[in-house]
C-alpha cells in the first residue's frame, strides 16, 4: 500500500457556477458524476509510448493533439490533429495534470470519421489507470491504479470510462492491450481539484 490515500473521500463537491448574464453567483451542492468537466487535461503535457510520423508530410502526430480541443476531422489545408502511436504492443497515452485532482472518468473521441472501418476498430480493450506517482500507472505494476476498463471495440465516436469511485491522481493513462496503433482525436479527463 502507498503512503497516500488514493480515493477521494468526498465525491459531493460544492461547485460555484457564475451566471454572467444574470450578474450573480449561485452555489449548489452536486454529485460530481453528474457534472461534465472537460478542462482538466486541456493543454497539459502528454506522452505517448511512441509517435507516428506521416509518410506524405513528415509530420509527427504527437500526444499534445489529444488535448488541444480540436474535436473534428481537419478541413482542407488544416493539419491533422490526432495523437497517434506506431503499431506496437500495448500502446499508451499519458497525461500529466500538473497537480493532484479527484478523477472520476475519462472520455475518448475515437476516429469515427474514416471510411476505413479498421481505423476506429483499433481502439479496443482499453485500460485507464490513474496515480499520484507516474511510475505506478501500469496496471501490471499496481492494480490499485485501475480507474476503469472497456473490453472490445470502443464506440465509433465518444466513449466514457468511469472510475468505480473518484480517485486522487496527477497522472492519467489510457492503454490498449494487444498489438495495435493508438490513435484518437481527443482525450478528456473529468474530475475536480483535490482540496
Protein backbone atom coordinates (compact mmCIF):
# COMPACT_ATOMS: atom_id res chain seq x y z
CA UNK A 1 0.00 0.00 0.00
CA UNK A 2 1.12 3.56 -0.67
CA UNK A 3 1.68 6.42 1.75
CA UNK A 4 -1.24 8.36 0.28
CA UNK A 5 -5.00 7.74 0.27
CA UNK A 6 -5.95 7.03 -3.36
CA UNK A 7 -9.71 7.55 -3.02
CA UNK A 8 -11.29 10.98 -2.86
CA UNK A 9 -13.32 10.75 0.31
CA UNK A 10 -15.84 13.43 -0.57
CA UNK A 11 -17.32 12.95 -4.03
CA UNK A 12 -20.01 15.52 -3.32
CA UNK A 13 -18.49 18.84 -4.18
CA UNK A 14 -19.71 22.40 -3.75
CA UNK A 15 -19.50 23.86 -7.23
CA UNK A 16 -19.78 27.62 -7.76
CA UNK A 17 -21.44 28.48 -11.06
CA UNK A 18 -21.13 32.01 -12.35
CA UNK A 19 -24.07 33.25 -14.37
CA UNK A 20 -22.54 36.24 -16.17
CA UNK A 21 -25.77 37.34 -17.84
CA UNK A 22 -27.62 37.37 -14.53
CA UNK A 23 -24.64 39.04 -12.80
CA UNK A 24 -24.96 36.70 -9.85
CA UNK A 25 -23.17 33.66 -8.46
CA UNK A 26 -25.04 30.62 -7.22
CA UNK A 27 -23.59 27.89 -5.02
CA UNK A 28 -25.05 24.44 -5.29
CA UNK A 29 -24.06 21.04 -3.94
CA UNK A 30 -23.97 18.38 -6.65
CA UNK A 31 -22.78 14.84 -7.19
CA UNK A 32 -19.66 15.18 -9.35
CA UNK A 33 -20.62 12.21 -11.55
CA UNK A 34 -23.45 14.37 -12.91
CA UNK A 35 -21.18 17.31 -13.74
CA UNK A 36 -19.40 17.44 -17.07
CA UNK A 37 -15.93 18.95 -16.59
CA UNK A 38 -13.68 18.67 -19.63
CA UNK A 39 -10.95 21.20 -18.97
CA UNK A 40 -8.68 19.25 -16.61
CA UNK A 41 -6.44 17.76 -19.34
CA UNK A 42 -6.77 20.57 -21.89
CA UNK A 43 -3.33 21.86 -22.88
CA UNK A 44 -1.49 19.65 -20.38
CA UNK A 45 1.67 17.67 -21.08
CA UNK A 46 1.07 14.35 -22.88
CA UNK A 47 3.44 11.47 -23.53
CA UNK A 48 2.90 8.60 -25.96
CA UNK A 49 4.58 5.19 -25.91
CA UNK A 50 5.78 6.04 -29.45
CA UNK A 51 4.95 8.70 -32.04
CA UNK A 52 3.72 8.02 -35.58
CA UNK A 53 5.14 10.05 -38.46
CA UNK A 54 3.07 10.70 -41.58
CA UNK A 55 4.91 9.45 -44.65
CA UNK A 56 3.45 12.06 -47.01
CA UNK A 57 4.31 15.19 -45.00
CA UNK A 58 6.81 14.02 -42.38
CA UNK A 59 4.57 15.47 -39.65
CA UNK A 60 4.67 13.77 -36.25
CA UNK A 61 1.25 13.04 -34.67
CA UNK A 62 2.25 13.96 -31.12
CA UNK A 63 0.39 13.39 -27.86
CA UNK A 64 -0.49 17.07 -27.42
CA UNK A 65 -3.00 16.73 -30.25
CA UNK A 66 -5.18 14.64 -27.89
CA UNK A 67 -5.65 17.60 -25.50
CA UNK A 68 -5.73 20.55 -27.94
CA UNK A 69 -9.52 20.99 -28.02
CA UNK A 70 -9.89 20.11 -31.73
CA UNK A 71 -12.94 17.82 -31.88
CA UNK A 72 -13.32 17.34 -35.62
CA UNK A 73 -11.56 15.97 -38.67
CA UNK A 74 -9.38 18.54 -40.46
CA UNK A 75 -10.82 20.75 -43.20
CA UNK A 76 -8.84 21.23 -46.41
CA UNK A 77 -5.31 22.54 -45.79
CA UNK A 78 -5.56 22.08 -42.00
CA UNK A 79 -3.11 19.95 -40.08
CA UNK A 80 -4.26 16.58 -38.77
CA UNK A 81 -4.93 16.85 -35.02
CA UNK A 82 -4.67 13.22 -33.93
CA UNK A 83 -2.47 11.66 -31.26
CA UNK A 84 -1.09 8.52 -32.91
CA UNK A 85 1.42 5.84 -31.87
CA UNK A 86 3.25 3.43 -34.12
CA UNK A 87 1.95 -0.13 -34.37
CA UNK A 88 3.27 -1.75 -31.18
CA UNK A 89 2.39 -3.95 -28.21
CA UNK A 90 0.19 -2.27 -25.56
CA UNK A 91 0.50 1.36 -26.75
CA UNK A 92 -0.37 4.08 -24.24
CA UNK A 93 -1.11 7.78 -23.84
CA UNK A 94 -0.29 9.53 -20.53
CA UNK A 95 -1.39 12.98 -19.32
CA UNK A 96 0.36 14.92 -16.55
CA UNK A 97 -2.31 17.09 -14.89
CA UNK A 98 0.46 19.06 -13.11
CA UNK A 99 -1.30 18.78 -9.75
CA UNK A 100 -3.43 16.24 -7.90
CA UNK A 101 -7.11 16.10 -8.85
CA UNK A 102 -10.01 13.82 -7.97
CA UNK A 103 -10.63 11.89 -11.20
CA UNK A 104 -13.92 10.10 -11.83
CA UNK A 105 -13.93 9.47 -15.60
CA UNK A 106 -12.22 9.91 -18.95
CA UNK A 107 -13.86 10.44 -22.31
CA UNK A 108 -12.22 9.45 -25.58
CA UNK A 109 -13.07 10.75 -29.05
CA UNK A 110 -12.32 7.88 -31.41
CA UNK A 111 -11.67 8.25 -35.14
CA UNK A 112 -15.17 7.65 -36.42
CA UNK A 113 -14.65 9.88 -39.46
CA UNK A 114 -12.63 7.44 -41.55
CA UNK A 115 -14.34 5.31 -44.21
CA UNK A 116 -11.82 2.60 -43.34
CA UNK A 117 -13.54 0.58 -40.62
CA UNK A 118 -10.29 -0.70 -39.14
CA UNK A 119 -9.22 2.84 -38.13
CA UNK A 120 -11.79 3.21 -35.34
CA UNK A 121 -11.67 -0.52 -34.53
CA UNK A 122 -8.05 -0.13 -33.42
CA UNK A 123 -9.29 1.45 -30.19
CA UNK A 124 -10.19 -1.71 -28.28
CA UNK A 125 -9.51 -3.45 -24.98
CA UNK A 126 -8.73 -0.26 -23.05
CA UNK A 127 -7.39 0.12 -19.52
CA UNK A 128 -7.46 3.52 -17.80
CA UNK A 129 -5.16 3.95 -14.82
CA UNK A 130 -4.60 6.95 -12.56
CA UNK A 131 -1.96 7.69 -9.96
CA UNK A 132 -0.25 10.40 -7.99
CA UNK A 133 3.07 8.77 -8.94
CA UNK A 134 3.94 8.40 -12.62
CA UNK A 135 5.78 5.08 -12.13
CA UNK A 136 2.61 3.48 -10.68
CA UNK A 137 0.45 3.82 -13.82
CA UNK A 138 0.96 0.41 -15.39
CA UNK A 139 -1.76 -1.95 -14.17
CA UNK A 140 0.69 -4.87 -14.01
CA UNK A 141 2.81 -2.88 -11.53
CA UNK A 142 -0.07 -1.54 -9.47
CA UNK A 143 -3.62 -2.97 -9.71
CA UNK A 144 -4.79 -0.24 -7.29
CA UNK A 145 -4.26 2.33 -10.06
CA UNK A 146 -7.16 0.96 -12.15
CA UNK A 147 -9.83 3.58 -12.82
CA UNK A 148 -11.78 1.58 -15.39
CA UNK A 149 -11.58 -0.59 -18.46
CA UNK A 150 -13.54 -1.45 -21.57
CA UNK A 151 -13.30 -4.72 -23.42
CA UNK A 152 -13.92 -4.89 -27.14
CA UNK A 153 -14.08 -2.03 -29.63
CA UNK A 154 -14.85 1.42 -28.26
CA UNK A 155 -17.70 3.45 -29.73
CA UNK A 156 -17.06 4.95 -33.13
CA UNK A 157 -17.11 8.47 -31.67
CA UNK A 158 -17.28 9.21 -27.91
CA UNK A 159 -16.73 6.64 -25.15
CA UNK A 160 -16.75 7.47 -21.43
CA UNK A 161 -14.95 5.19 -18.99
CA UNK A 162 -15.95 5.85 -15.39
CA UNK A 163 -13.95 5.02 -12.27
CA UNK A 164 -15.71 2.93 -9.59
CA UNK A 165 -15.04 5.89 -7.27
CA UNK A 166 -13.30 9.24 -7.63
CA UNK A 167 -9.54 8.71 -7.28
CA UNK A 168 -6.70 11.10 -6.47
CA UNK A 169 -4.25 11.44 -9.34
CA UNK A 170 -1.81 13.70 -11.12
CA UNK A 171 -1.21 11.23 -13.96
CA UNK A 172 -3.85 9.56 -16.13
CA UNK A 173 -3.03 6.82 -18.63
CA UNK A 174 -5.02 5.20 -21.43
CA UNK A 175 -3.50 1.90 -22.57
CA UNK A 176 -4.61 -0.52 -25.28
CA UNK A 177 -3.98 -4.21 -24.75
CA UNK A 178 -2.59 -6.05 -27.75
CA UNK A 179 -0.56 -5.23 -30.85
CA UNK A 180 -2.08 -2.12 -32.47
CA UNK A 181 -1.92 1.65 -33.01
CA UNK A 182 -3.42 4.08 -30.52
CA UNK A 183 -4.93 6.96 -32.49
CA UNK A 184 -7.55 9.35 -31.09
CA UNK A 185 -8.83 12.85 -31.72
CA UNK A 186 -9.32 13.94 -28.11
CA UNK A 187 -8.81 12.69 -24.56
CA UNK A 188 -10.74 14.37 -21.76
CA UNK A 189 -10.20 13.87 -18.04
CA UNK A 190 -13.24 14.55 -15.86
CA UNK A 191 -12.91 15.45 -12.21
CA UNK A 192 -12.24 18.32 -9.85
CA UNK A 193 -9.39 19.86 -7.90
CA UNK A 194 -8.34 17.91 -4.80
CA UNK A 195 -8.84 20.37 -1.94
